[in-house]
Amino acid sequence: MTTSTTDVSVAAKLFRGLGDPTRLSILLALVERELRVTDLVAELGGSQGNISGHVGCLRECGLIVARPEGRQTFYRVAGPEIVSLLRAGETVLARTGTEVTLCPNYVNEQGPSDG
């Protein structure tokens, strides 16, 4: 498979976006069903402004879509390929999760590792 520098750069942006725990949690919640921002706040915690900002980011990147219904807006994952990507990530983590957790080259939630 031949990949250009531009393709790699765009793919890196995608994975950086998915690397945010809040955005990833939103996507995983939306795999199961359509939800409003209010539902996501109740399910994931955090402020409505924070969740709404992440939803806007995911929508602008084309990863989720909105469905207005009256005064409410419901969000869902934009397509099956996104669900497949998330499921593939779960499969990779089932195989390598311990190594990823212990890897000294990544930053954990508490800050940089000492390795």
PDB file of N, CA and C in Angstrom:
ATOM      1  N   MET A   1       0.849  -1.174   0.000  1.00  0.00           N
ATOM      2  CA  MET A   1       0.000   0.000   0.000  1.00  0.00           C
ATOM      3  C   MET A   1       0.893   1.235   0.000  1.00  0.00           C
ATOM      4  N   THR A   2       0.706   2.114  -0.967  1.00  0.00           N
ATOM      5  CA  THR A   2       1.472   3.347  -1.064  1.00  0.00           C
ATOM      6  C   THR A   2       0.657   4.472  -0.439  1.00  0.00           C
ATOM      7  N   THR A   3       1.312   5.237   0.433  1.00  0.00           N
ATOM      8  CA  THR A   3       0.632   6.331   1.109  1.00  0.00           C
ATOM      9  C   THR A   3       1.475   7.582   0.998  1.00  0.00           C
ATOM     10  N   SER A   4       0.843   8.683   0.620  1.00  0.00           N
ATOM     11  CA  SER A   4       1.582   9.937   0.498  1.00  0.00           C
ATOM     12  C   SER A   4       1.733  10.588   1.863  1.00  0.00           C
ATOM     13  N   THR A   5       2.637  11.548   1.939  1.00  0.00           N
ATOM     14  CA  THR A   5       2.849  12.300   3.173  1.00  0.00           C
ATOM     15  C   THR A   5       1.572  13.014   3.586  1.00  0.00           C
ATOM     16  N   THR A   6       0.820  13.516   2.606  1.00  0.00           N
ATOM     17  CA  THR A   6      -0.449  14.183   2.897  1.00  0.00           C
ATOM     18  C   THR A   6      -1.427  13.209   3.526  1.00  0.00           C
ATOM     19  N   ASP A   7      -1.525  12.011   2.968  1.00  0.00           N
ATOM     20  CA  ASP A   7      -2.426  11.002   3.523  1.00  0.00           C
ATOM     21  C   ASP A   7      -2.062  10.668   4.961  1.00  0.00           C
ATOM     22  N   VAL A   8      -0.776  10.521   5.221  1.00  0.00           N
ATOM     23  CA  VAL A   8      -0.315  10.202   6.569  1.00  0.00           C
ATOM     24  C   VAL A   8      -0.646  11.353   7.517  1.00  0.00           C
ATOM     25  N   SER A   9      -0.462  12.576   7.057  1.00  0.00           N
ATOM     26  CA  SER A   9      -0.749  13.746   7.878  1.00  0.00           C
ATOM     27  C   SER A   9      -2.232  13.803   8.250  1.00  0.00           C
ATOM     28  N   VAL A  10      -3.095  13.552   7.285  1.00  0.00           N
ATOM     29  CA  VAL A  10      -4.536  13.570   7.548  1.00  0.00           C
ATOM     30  C   VAL A  10      -4.915  12.420   8.479  1.00  0.00           C
ATOM     31  N   ALA A  11      -4.343  11.244   8.252  1.00  0.00           N
ATOM     32  CA  ALA A  11      -4.621  10.097   9.119  1.00  0.00           C
ATOM     33  C   ALA A  11      -4.157  10.385  10.544  1.00  0.00           C
ATOM     34  N   ALA A  12      -3.014  11.037  10.688  1.00  0.00           N
ATOM     35  CA  ALA A  12      -2.519  11.387  12.023  1.00  0.00           C
ATOM     36  C   ALA A  12      -3.486  12.341  12.719  1.00  0.00           C
ATOM     37  N   LYS A  13      -4.063  13.280  11.965  1.00  0.00           N
ATOM     38  CA  LYS A  13      -5.065  14.191  12.542  1.00  0.00           C
ATOM     39  C   LYS A  13      -6.277  13.401  13.045  1.00  0.00           C
ATOM     40  N   LEU A  14      -6.726  12.454  12.232  1.00  0.00           N
ATOM     41  CA  LEU A  14      -7.861  11.624  12.629  1.00  0.00           C
ATOM     42  C   LEU A  14      -7.572  10.910  13.939  1.00  0.00           C
ATOM     43  N   PHE A  15      -6.420  10.261  14.010  1.00  0.00           N
ATOM     44  CA  PHE A  15      -6.096   9.490  15.207  1.00  0.00           C
ATOM     45  C   PHE A  15      -5.823  10.376  16.415  1.00  0.00           C
ATOM     46  N   ARG A  16      -5.275  11.583  16.204  1.00  0.00           N
ATOM     47  CA  ARG A  16      -5.141  12.528  17.314  1.00  0.00           C
ATOM     48  C   ARG A  16      -6.515  12.913  17.841  1.00  0.00           C
ATOM     49  N   GLY A  17      -7.452  13.129  16.930  1.00  0.00           N
ATOM     50  CA  GLY A  17      -8.820  13.455  17.338  1.00  0.00           C
ATOM     51  C   GLY A  17      -9.467  12.331  18.122  1.00  0.00           C
ATOM     52  N   LEU A  18      -9.216  11.111  17.682  1.00  0.00           N
ATOM     53  CA  LEU A  18      -9.760   9.950  18.395  1.00  0.00           C
ATOM     54  C   LEU A  18      -9.020   9.703  19.705  1.00  0.00           C
ATOM     55  N   GLY A  19      -7.835  10.298  19.843  1.00  0.00           N
ATOM     56  CA  GLY A  19      -7.031  10.119  21.045  1.00  0.00           C
ATOM     57  C   GLY A  19      -7.532  10.905  22.239  1.00  0.00           C
ATOM     58  N   ASP A  20      -8.472  11.804  22.031  1.00  0.00           N
ATOM     59  CA  ASP A  20      -9.043  12.543  23.148  1.00  0.00           C
ATOM     60  C   ASP A  20     -10.080  11.656  23.843  1.00  0.00           C
ATOM     61  N   PRO A  21      -9.928  11.405  25.153  1.00  0.00           N
ATOM     62  CA  PRO A  21     -10.844  10.495  25.852  1.00  0.00           C
ATOM     63  C   PRO A  21     -12.314  10.908  25.759  1.00  0.00           C
ATOM     64  N   THR A  22     -12.602  12.200  25.791  1.00  0.00           N
ATOM     65  CA  THR A  22     -14.003  12.633  25.725  1.00  0.00           C
ATOM     66  C   THR A  22     -14.582  12.361  24.343  1.00  0.00           C
ATOM     67  N   ARG A  23     -13.842  12.714  23.291  1.00  0.00           N
ATOM     68  CA  ARG A  23     -14.349  12.467  21.937  1.00  0.00           C
ATOM     69  C   ARG A  23     -14.517  10.978  21.670  1.00  0.00           C
ATOM     70  N   LEU A  24     -13.572  10.177  22.125  1.00  0.00           N
ATOM     71  CA  LEU A  24     -13.685   8.736  21.936  1.00  0.00           C
ATOM     72  C   LEU A  24     -14.880   8.181  22.699  1.00  0.00           C
ATOM     73  N   SER A  25     -15.099   8.664  23.912  1.00  0.00           N
ATOM     74  CA  SER A  25     -16.258   8.227  24.702  1.00  0.00           C
ATOM     75  C   SER A  25     -17.571   8.601  24.022  1.00  0.00           C
ATOM     76  N   ILE A  26     -17.618   9.784  23.429  1.00  0.00           N
ATOM     77  CA  ILE A  26     -18.814  10.212  22.705  1.00  0.00           C
ATOM     78  C   ILE A  26     -19.067   9.285  21.527  1.00  0.00           C
ATOM     79  N   LEU A  27     -18.037   9.025  20.740  1.00  0.00           N
ATOM     80  CA  LEU A  27     -18.201   8.131  19.593  1.00  0.00           C
ATOM     81  C   LEU A  27     -18.676   6.747  20.022  1.00  0.00           C
ATOM     82  N   LEU A  28     -18.067   6.210  21.060  1.00  0.00           N
ATOM     83  CA  LEU A  28     -18.467   4.876  21.523  1.00  0.00           C
ATOM     84  C   LEU A  28     -19.914   4.866  22.008  1.00  0.00           C
ATOM     85  N   ALA A  29     -20.346   5.934  22.671  1.00  0.00           N
ATOM     86  CA  ALA A  29     -21.747   6.020  23.120  1.00  0.00           C
ATOM     87  C   ALA A  29     -22.687   6.089  21.916  1.00  0.00           C
ATOM     88  N   LEU A  30     -22.277   6.799  20.877  1.00  0.00           N
ATOM     89  CA  LEU A  30     -23.132   6.967  19.702  1.00  0.00           C
ATOM     90  C   LEU A  30     -23.142   5.747  18.793  1.00  0.00           C
ATOM     91  N   VAL A  31     -22.236   4.813  18.996  1.00  0.00           N
ATOM     92  CA  VAL A  31     -22.274   3.555  18.242  1.00  0.00           C
ATOM     93  C   VAL A  31     -23.543   2.789  18.595  1.00  0.00           C
ATOM     94  N   GLU A  32     -23.933   2.873  19.846  1.00  0.00           N
ATOM     95  CA  GLU A  32     -25.076   2.094  20.335  1.00  0.00           C
ATOM     96  C   GLU A  32     -26.424   2.682  19.936  1.00  0.00           C
ATOM     97  N   ARG A  33     -26.509   4.043  19.917  1.00  0.00           N
ATOM     98  CA  ARG A  33     -27.802   4.674  19.644  1.00  0.00           C
ATOM     99  C   ARG A  33     -27.611   6.175  19.434  1.00  0.00           C
ATOM    100  N   GLU A  34     -28.649   6.810  18.897  1.00  0.00           N
ATOM    101  CA  GLU A  34     -28.649   8.262  18.769  1.00  0.00           C
ATOM    102  C   GLU A  34     -28.828   8.891  20.144  1.00  0.00           C
ATOM    103  N   LEU A  35     -28.112   9.977  20.382  1.00  0.00           N
ATOM    104  CA  LEU A  35     -28.213  10.682  21.657  1.00  0.00           C
ATOM    105  C   LEU A  35     -28.156  12.182  21.422  1.00  0.00           C
ATOM    106  N   ARG A  36     -28.748  12.912  22.369  1.00  0.00           N
ATOM    107  CA  ARG A  36     -28.635  14.371  22.385  1.00  0.00           C
ATOM    108  C   ARG A  36     -27.440  14.745  23.255  1.00  0.00           C
ATOM    109  N   VAL A  37     -26.998  15.985  23.172  1.00  0.00           N
ATOM    110  CA  VAL A  37     -25.902  16.447  24.023  1.00  0.00           C
ATOM    111  C   VAL A  37     -26.270  16.237  25.480  1.00  0.00           C
ATOM    112  N   THR A  38     -27.515  16.540  25.847  1.00  0.00           N
ATOM    113  CA  THR A  38     -27.975  16.347  27.226  1.00  0.00           C
ATOM    114  C   THR A  38     -27.812  14.901  27.673  1.00  0.00           C
ATOM    115  N   ASP A  39     -28.124  13.959  26.793  1.00  0.00           N
ATOM    116  CA  ASP A  39     -27.965  12.535  27.109  1.00  0.00           C
ATOM    117  C   ASP A  39     -26.489  12.185  27.300  1.00  0.00           C
ATOM    118  N   LEU A  40     -25.644  12.736  26.442  1.00  0.00           N
ATOM    119  CA  LEU A  40     -24.205  12.474  26.546  1.00  0.00           C
ATOM    120  C   LEU A  40     -23.643  13.032  27.846  1.00  0.00           C
ATOM    121  N   VAL A  41     -24.094  14.217  28.249  1.00  0.00           N
ATOM    122  CA  VAL A  41     -23.649  14.799  29.518  1.00  0.00           C
ATOM    123  C   VAL A  41     -24.040  13.872  30.671  1.00  0.00           C
ATOM    124  N   ALA A  42     -25.278  13.390  30.652  1.00  0.00           N
ATOM    125  CA  ALA A  42     -25.747  12.494  31.726  1.00  0.00           C
ATOM    126  C   ALA A  42     -24.968  11.179  31.726  1.00  0.00           C
ATOM    127  N   GLU A  43     -24.659  10.667  30.563  1.00  0.00           N
ATOM    128  CA  GLU A  43     -23.981   9.373  30.450  1.00  0.00           C
ATOM    129  C   GLU A  43     -22.483   9.463  30.727  1.00  0.00           C
ATOM    130  N   LEU A  44     -21.843  10.529  30.242  1.00  0.00           N
ATOM    131  CA  LEU A  44     -20.385  10.625  30.311  1.00  0.00           C
ATOM    132  C   LEU A  44     -19.873  11.541  31.406  1.00  0.00           C
ATOM    133  N   GLY A  45     -20.737  12.409  31.906  1.00  0.00           N
ATOM    134  CA  GLY A  45     -20.288  13.418  32.855  1.00  0.00           C
ATOM    135  C   GLY A  45     -19.666  14.581  32.115  1.00  0.00           C
ATOM    136  N   GLY A  46     -19.175  15.537  32.855  1.00  0.00           N
ATOM    137  CA  GLY A  46     -18.608  16.732  32.234  1.00  0.00           C
ATOM    138  C   GLY A  46     -19.672  17.790  32.052  1.00  0.00           C
ATOM    139  N   SER A  47     -19.236  18.941  31.627  1.00  0.00           N
ATOM    140  CA  SER A  47     -20.172  20.052  31.458  1.00  0.00           C
ATOM    141  C   SER A  47     -20.826  19.986  30.082  1.00  0.00           C
ATOM    142  N   GLN A  48     -21.980  20.603  29.980  1.00  0.00           N
ATOM    143  CA  GLN A  48     -22.677  20.639  28.702  1.00  0.00           C
ATOM    144  C   GLN A  48     -21.844  21.382  27.661  1.00  0.00           C
ATOM    145  N   GLY A  49     -21.189  22.462  28.056  1.00  0.00           N
ATOM    146  CA  GLY A  49     -20.355  23.209  27.127  1.00  0.00           C
ATOM    147  C   GLY A  49     -19.197  22.383  26.586  1.00  0.00           C
ATOM    148  N   ASN A  50     -18.559  21.608  27.462  1.00  0.00           N
ATOM    149  CA  ASN A  50     -17.435  20.766  27.056  1.00  0.00           C
ATOM    150  C   ASN A  50     -17.902  19.678  26.089  1.00  0.00           C
ATOM    151  N   ILE A  51     -18.960  18.976  26.449  1.00  0.00           N
ATOM    152  CA  ILE A  51     -19.481  17.899  25.596  1.00  0.00           C
ATOM    153  C   ILE A  51     -19.955  18.480  24.270  1.00  0.00           C
ATOM    154  N   SER A  52     -20.642  19.597  24.325  1.00  0.00           N
ATOM    155  CA  SER A  52     -21.139  20.239  23.114  1.00  0.00           C
ATOM    156  C   SER A  52     -19.983  20.631  22.185  1.00  0.00           C
ATOM    157  N   GLY A  53     -18.900  21.135  22.753  1.00  0.00           N
ATOM    158  CA  GLY A  53     -17.732  21.485  21.952  1.00  0.00           C
ATOM    159  C   GLY A  53     -17.123  20.283  21.264  1.00  0.00           C
ATOM    160  N   HIS A  54     -17.028  19.171  21.985  1.00  0.00           N
ATOM    161  CA  HIS A  54     -16.482  17.942  21.394  1.00  0.00           C
ATOM    162  C   HIS A  54     -17.418  17.388  20.321  1.00  0.00           C
ATOM    163  N   VAL A  55     -18.724  17.470  20.566  1.00  0.00           N
ATOM    164  CA  VAL A  55     -19.701  17.032  19.561  1.00  0.00           C
ATOM    165  C   VAL A  55     -19.536  17.879  18.296  1.00  0.00           C
ATOM    166  N   GLY A  56     -19.371  19.185  18.469  1.00  0.00           N
ATOM    167  CA  GLY A  56     -19.161  20.065  17.320  1.00  0.00           C
ATOM    168  C   GLY A  56     -17.920  19.689  16.540  1.00  0.00           C
ATOM    169  N   CYS A  57     -16.852  19.383  17.236  1.00  0.00           N
ATOM    170  CA  CYS A  57     -15.601  18.966  16.593  1.00  0.00           C
ATOM    171  C   CYS A  57     -15.812  17.689  15.791  1.00  0.00           C
ATOM    172  N   LEU A  58     -16.449  16.692  16.399  1.00  0.00           N
ATOM    173  CA  LEU A  58     -16.696  15.422  15.714  1.00  0.00           C
ATOM    174  C   LEU A  58     -17.598  15.615  14.501  1.00  0.00           C
ATOM    175  N   ARG A  59     -18.548  16.515  14.624  1.00  0.00           N
ATOM    176  CA  ARG A  59     -19.467  16.791  13.510  1.00  0.00           C
ATOM    177  C   ARG A  59     -18.736  17.507  12.377  1.00  0.00           C
ATOM    178  N   GLU A  60     -17.918  18.498  12.701  1.00  0.00           N
ATOM    179  CA  GLU A  60     -17.165  19.225  11.678  1.00  0.00           C
ATOM    180  C   GLU A  60     -16.205  18.313  10.922  1.00  0.00           C
ATOM    181  N   CYS A  61     -15.689  17.297  11.604  1.00  0.00           N
ATOM    182  CA  CYS A  61     -14.767  16.349  10.973  1.00  0.00           C
ATOM    183  C   CYS A  61     -15.497  15.243  10.211  1.00  0.00           C
ATOM    184  N   GLY A  62     -16.828  15.246  10.274  1.00  0.00           N
ATOM    185  CA  GLY A  62     -17.604  14.259   9.534  1.00  0.00           C
ATOM    186  C   GLY A  62     -17.708  12.900  10.195  1.00  0.00           C
ATOM    187  N   LEU A  63     -17.359  12.831  11.490  1.00  0.00           N
ATOM    188  CA  LEU A  63     -17.420  11.540  12.180  1.00  0.00           C
ATOM    189  C   LEU A  63     -18.798  11.254  12.765  1.00  0.00           C
ATOM    190  N   ILE A  64     -19.560  12.307  13.030  1.00  0.00           N
ATOM    191  CA  ILE A  64     -20.939  12.135  13.484  1.00  0.00           C
ATOM    192  C   ILE A  64     -21.842  13.046  12.657  1.00  0.00           C
ATOM    193  N   VAL A  65     -23.116  12.717  12.639  1.00  0.00           N
ATOM    194  CA  VAL A  65     -24.112  13.526  11.941  1.00  0.00           C
ATOM    195  C   VAL A  65     -25.247  13.849  12.901  1.00  0.00           C
ATOM    196  N   ALA A  66     -25.950  14.937  12.580  1.00  0.00           N
ATOM    197  CA  ALA A  66     -27.045  15.402  13.410  1.00  0.00           C
ATOM    198  C   ALA A  66     -28.375  15.140  12.716  1.00  0.00           C
ATOM    199  N   ARG A  67     -29.379  14.864  13.551  1.00  0.00           N
ATOM    200  CA  ARG A  67     -30.749  14.715  13.056  1.00  0.00           C
ATOM    201  C   ARG A  67     -31.648  15.582  13.926  1.00  0.00           C
ATOM    202  N   PRO A  68     -32.072  16.748  13.397  1.00  0.00           N
ATOM    203  CA  PRO A  68     -32.965  17.597  14.181  1.00  0.00           C
ATOM    204  C   PRO A  68     -34.347  16.959  14.293  1.00  0.00           C
ATOM    205  N   GLU A  69     -34.939  17.121  15.447  1.00  0.00           N
ATOM    206  CA  GLU A  69     -36.308  16.656  15.671  1.00  0.00           C
ATOM    207  C   GLU A  69     -36.977  17.686  16.580  1.00  0.00           C
ATOM    208  N   GLY A  70     -37.769  18.547  15.983  1.00  0.00           N
ATOM    209  CA  GLY A  70     -38.356  19.644  16.745  1.00  0.00           C
ATOM    210  C   GLY A  70     -37.253  20.559  17.249  1.00  0.00           C
ATOM    211  N   ARG A  71     -37.248  20.801  18.562  1.00  0.00           N
ATOM    212  CA  ARG A  71     -36.219  21.653  19.156  1.00  0.00           C
ATOM    213  C   ARG A  71     -35.003  20.861  19.625  1.00  0.00           C
ATOM    214  N   GLN A  72     -35.011  19.567  19.405  1.00  0.00           N
ATOM    215  CA  GLN A  72     -33.911  18.709  19.841  1.00  0.00           C
ATOM    216  C   GLN A  72     -33.051  18.301  18.655  1.00  0.00           C
ATOM    217  N   THR A  73     -31.813  17.954  18.939  1.00  0.00           N
ATOM    218  CA  THR A  73     -30.920  17.425  17.912  1.00  0.00           C
ATOM    219  C   THR A  73     -30.325  16.126  18.423  1.00  0.00           C
ATOM    220  N   PHE A  74     -30.477  15.094  17.630  1.00  0.00           N
ATOM    221  CA  PHE A  74     -29.932  13.784  17.954  1.00  0.00           C
ATOM    222  C   PHE A  74     -28.695  13.543  17.095  1.00  0.00           C
ATOM    223  N   TYR A  75     -27.681  12.936  17.688  1.00  0.00           N
ATOM    224  CA  TYR A  75     -26.424  12.667  16.998  1.00  0.00           C
ATOM    225  C   TYR A  75     -26.208  11.168  16.891  1.00  0.00           C
ATOM    226  N   ARG A  76     -25.534  10.787  15.800  1.00  0.00           N
ATOM    227  CA  ARG A  76     -25.173   9.378  15.605  1.00  0.00           C
ATOM    228  C   ARG A  76     -23.867   9.320  14.830  1.00  0.00           C
ATOM    229  N   VAL A  77     -23.220   8.170  14.885  1.00  0.00           N
ATOM    230  CA  VAL A  77     -21.997   7.945  14.127  1.00  0.00           C
ATOM    231  C   VAL A  77     -22.340   8.064  12.642  1.00  0.00           C
ATOM    232  N   ALA A  78     -21.465   8.700  11.874  1.00  0.00           N
ATOM    233  CA  ALA A  78     -21.761   9.051  10.487  1.00  0.00           C
ATOM    234  C   ALA A  78     -21.827   7.864   9.530  1.00  0.00           C
ATOM    235  N   GLY A  79     -21.179   6.762   9.850  1.00  0.00           N
ATOM    236  CA  GLY A  79     -21.222   5.643   8.917  1.00  0.00           C
ATOM    237  C   GLY A  79     -20.631   4.376   9.493  1.00  0.00           C
ATOM    238  N   PRO A  80     -20.900   3.260   8.841  1.00  0.00           N
ATOM    239  CA  PRO A  80     -20.434   1.970   9.340  1.00  0.00           C
ATOM    240  C   PRO A  80     -18.916   1.837   9.359  1.00  0.00           C
ATOM    241  N   GLU A  81     -18.214   2.573   8.495  1.00  0.00           N
ATOM    242  CA  GLU A  81     -16.750   2.480   8.484  1.00  0.00           C
ATOM    243  C   GLU A  81     -16.160   3.043   9.775  1.00  0.00           C
ATOM    244  N   ILE A  82     -16.823   4.006  10.382  1.00  0.00           N
ATOM    245  CA  ILE A  82     -16.362   4.559  11.663  1.00  0.00           C
ATOM    246  C   ILE A  82     -16.567   3.532  12.768  1.00  0.00           C
ATOM    247  N   VAL A  83     -17.707   2.865  12.728  1.00  0.00           N
ATOM    248  CA  VAL A  83     -17.970   1.799  13.698  1.00  0.00           C
ATOM    249  C   VAL A  83     -16.929   0.693  13.527  1.00  0.00           C
ATOM    250  N   SER A  84     -16.615   0.347  12.288  1.00  0.00           N
ATOM    251  CA  SER A  84     -15.598  -0.682  12.030  1.00  0.00           C
ATOM    252  C   SER A  84     -14.242  -0.270  12.576  1.00  0.00           C
ATOM    253  N   LEU A  85     -13.884   1.001  12.416  1.00  0.00           N
ATOM    254  CA  LEU A  85     -12.618   1.500  12.949  1.00  0.00           C
ATOM    255  C   LEU A  85     -12.579   1.377  14.464  1.00  0.00           C
ATOM    256  N   LEU A  86     -13.666   1.752  15.120  1.00  0.00           N
ATOM    257  CA  LEU A  86     -13.723   1.657  16.586  1.00  0.00           C
ATOM    258  C   LEU A  86     -13.662   0.199  17.039  1.00  0.00           C
ATOM    259  N   ARG A  87     -14.353  -0.677  16.338  1.00  0.00           N
ATOM    260  CA  ARG A  87     -14.328  -2.106  16.676  1.00  0.00           C
ATOM    261  C   ARG A  87     -12.930  -2.689  16.438  1.00  0.00           C
ATOM    262  N   ALA A  88     -12.272  -2.252  15.372  1.00  0.00           N
ATOM    263  CA  ALA A  88     -10.905  -2.714  15.116  1.00  0.00           C
ATOM    264  C   ALA A  88      -9.983  -2.279  16.247  1.00  0.00           C
ATOM    265  N   GLY A  89     -10.174  -1.061  16.748  1.00  0.00           N
ATOM    266  CA  GLY A  89      -9.395  -0.595  17.895  1.00  0.00           C
ATOM    267  C   GLY A  89      -9.609  -1.472  19.109  1.00  0.00           C
ATOM    268  N   GLU A  90     -10.867  -1.880  19.339  1.00  0.00           N
ATOM    269  CA  GLU A  90     -11.151  -2.781  20.454  1.00  0.00           C
ATOM    270  C   GLU A  90     -10.436  -4.113  20.287  1.00  0.00           C
ATOM    271  N   THR A  91     -10.397  -4.617  19.055  1.00  0.00           N
ATOM    272  CA  THR A  91      -9.724  -5.882  18.763  1.00  0.00           C
ATOM    273  C   THR A  91      -8.224  -5.767  19.015  1.00  0.00           C
ATOM    274  N   VAL A  92      -7.629  -4.669  18.553  1.00  0.00           N
ATOM    275  CA  VAL A  92      -6.200  -4.451  18.771  1.00  0.00           C
ATOM    276  C   VAL A  92      -5.909  -4.362  20.267  1.00  0.00           C
ATOM    277  N   LEU A  93      -6.745  -3.638  21.003  1.00  0.00           N
ATOM    278  CA  LEU A  93      -6.521  -3.506  22.449  1.00  0.00           C
ATOM    279  C   LEU A  93      -6.713  -4.824  23.186  1.00  0.00           C
ATOM    280  N   ALA A  94      -7.610  -5.679  22.698  1.00  0.00           N
ATOM    281  CA  ALA A  94      -7.774  -6.992  23.319  1.00  0.00           C
ATOM    282  C   ALA A  94      -6.475  -7.784  23.219  1.00  0.00           C
ATOM    283  N   ARG A  95      -5.740  -7.561  22.150  1.00  0.00           N
ATOM    284  CA  ARG A  95      -4.482  -8.271  21.935  1.00  0.00           C
ATOM    285  C   ARG A  95      -3.299  -7.565  22.603  1.00  0.00           C
ATOM    286  N   THR A  96      -3.281  -6.238  22.588  1.00  0.00           N
ATOM    287  CA  THR A  96      -2.084  -5.494  23.000  1.00  0.00           C
ATOM    288  C   THR A  96      -2.320  -4.514  24.146  1.00  0.00           C
ATOM    289  N   GLY A  97      -3.493  -4.556  24.760  1.00  0.00           N
ATOM    290  CA  GLY A  97      -3.850  -3.568  25.771  1.00  0.00           C
ATOM    291  C   GLY A  97      -2.868  -3.447  26.921  1.00  0.00           C
ATOM    292  N   THR A  98      -2.357  -4.570  27.401  1.00  0.00           N
ATOM    293  CA  THR A  98      -1.403  -4.532  28.504  1.00  0.00           C
ATOM    294  C   THR A  98      -0.125  -3.825  28.080  1.00  0.00           C
ATOM    295  N   GLU A  99       0.362  -4.156  26.892  1.00  0.00           N
ATOM    296  CA  GLU A  99       1.574  -3.515  26.400  1.00  0.00           C
ATOM    297  C   GLU A  99       1.372  -2.016  26.190  1.00  0.00           C
ATOM    298  N   VAL A 100       0.212  -1.645  25.653  1.00  0.00           N
ATOM    299  CA  VAL A 100      -0.084  -0.225  25.450  1.00  0.00           C
ATOM    300  C   VAL A 100      -0.146   0.483  26.800  1.00  0.00           C
ATOM    301  N   THR A 101      -0.788  -0.119  27.768  1.00  0.00           N
ATOM    302  CA  THR A 101      -0.890   0.471  29.101  1.00  0.00           C
ATOM    303  C   THR A 101       0.481   0.682  29.722  1.00  0.00           C
ATOM    304  N   LEU A 102       1.378  -0.274  29.554  1.00  0.00           N
ATOM    305  CA  LEU A 102       2.692  -0.214  30.180  1.00  0.00           C
ATOM    306  C   LEU A 102       3.747   0.503  29.339  1.00  0.00           C
ATOM    307  N   CYS A 103       3.412   0.871  28.114  1.00  0.00           N
ATOM    308  CA  CYS A 103       4.396   1.481  27.211  1.00  0.00           C
ATOM    309  C   CYS A 103       4.899   2.814  27.771  1.00  0.00           C
ATOM    310  N   PRO A 104       6.214   2.952  27.959  1.00  0.00           N
ATOM    311  CA  PRO A 104       6.765   4.197  28.521  1.00  0.00           C
ATOM    312  C   PRO A 104       6.802   5.352  27.517  1.00  0.00           C
ATOM    313  N   ASN A 105       6.481   5.089  26.258  1.00  0.00           N
ATOM    314  CA  ASN A 105       6.548   6.136  25.237  1.00  0.00           C
ATOM    315  C   ASN A 105       5.282   6.982  25.130  1.00  0.00           C
ATOM    316  N   TYR A 106       4.233   6.596  25.833  1.00  0.00           N
ATOM    317  CA  TYR A 106       2.982   7.337  25.769  1.00  0.00           C
ATOM    318  C   TYR A 106       2.747   8.079  27.062  1.00  0.00           C
ATOM    319  N   VAL A 107       1.960   9.130  26.968  1.00  0.00           N
ATOM    320  CA  VAL A 107       1.591   9.913  28.138  1.00  0.00           C
ATOM    321  C   VAL A 107       0.297   9.327  28.680  1.00  0.00           C
ATOM    322  N   ASN A 108       0.260   9.096  29.984  1.00  0.00           N
ATOM    323  CA  ASN A 108      -0.972   8.589  30.583  1.00  0.00           C
ATOM    324  C   ASN A 108      -1.821   9.754  31.083  1.00  0.00           C
ATOM    325  N   GLU A 109      -2.960   9.451  31.643  1.00  0.00           N
ATOM    326  CA  GLU A 109      -3.901  10.483  32.102  1.00  0.00           C
ATOM    327  C   GLU A 109      -3.297  11.346  33.200  1.00  0.00           C
ATOM    328  N   GLN A 110      -2.357  10.835  33.974  1.00  0.00           N
ATOM    329  CA  GLN A 110      -1.775  11.601  35.073  1.00  0.00           C
ATOM    330  C   GLN A 110      -0.617  12.489  34.634  1.00  0.00           C
ATOM    331  N   GLY A 111      -0.107  12.288  33.432  1.00  0.00           N
ATOM    332  CA  GLY A 111       1.005  13.089  32.946  1.00  0.00           C
ATOM    333  C   GLY A 111       2.059  12.201  32.314  1.00  0.00           C
ATOM    334  N   PRO A 112       3.188  12.769  31.948  1.00  0.00           N
ATOM    335  CA  PRO A 112       4.222  11.963  31.288  1.00  0.00           C
ATOM    336  C   PRO A 112       4.751  10.874  32.191  1.00  0.00           C
ATOM    337  N   SER A 113       5.138   9.769  31.561  1.00  0.00           N
ATOM    338  CA  SER A 113       5.731   8.694  32.350  1.00  0.00           C
ATOM    339  C   SER A 113       7.158   9.046  32.728  1.00  0.00           C
ATOM    340  N   ASP A 114       7.686   8.332  33.699  1.00  0.00           N
ATOM    341  CA  ASP A 114       9.052   8.578  34.142  1.00  0.00           C
ATOM    342  C   ASP A 114      10.073   7.824  33.320  1.00  0.00           C
ATOM    343  N   GLY A 115       9.609   7.008  32.319  1.00  0.00           N
ATOM    344  CA  GLY A 115      10.517   6.165  31.540  1.00  0.00           C
ATOM    345  C   GLY A 115      11.074   6.873  30.432  1.00  0.00           C
TER     346      GLY A 115
END
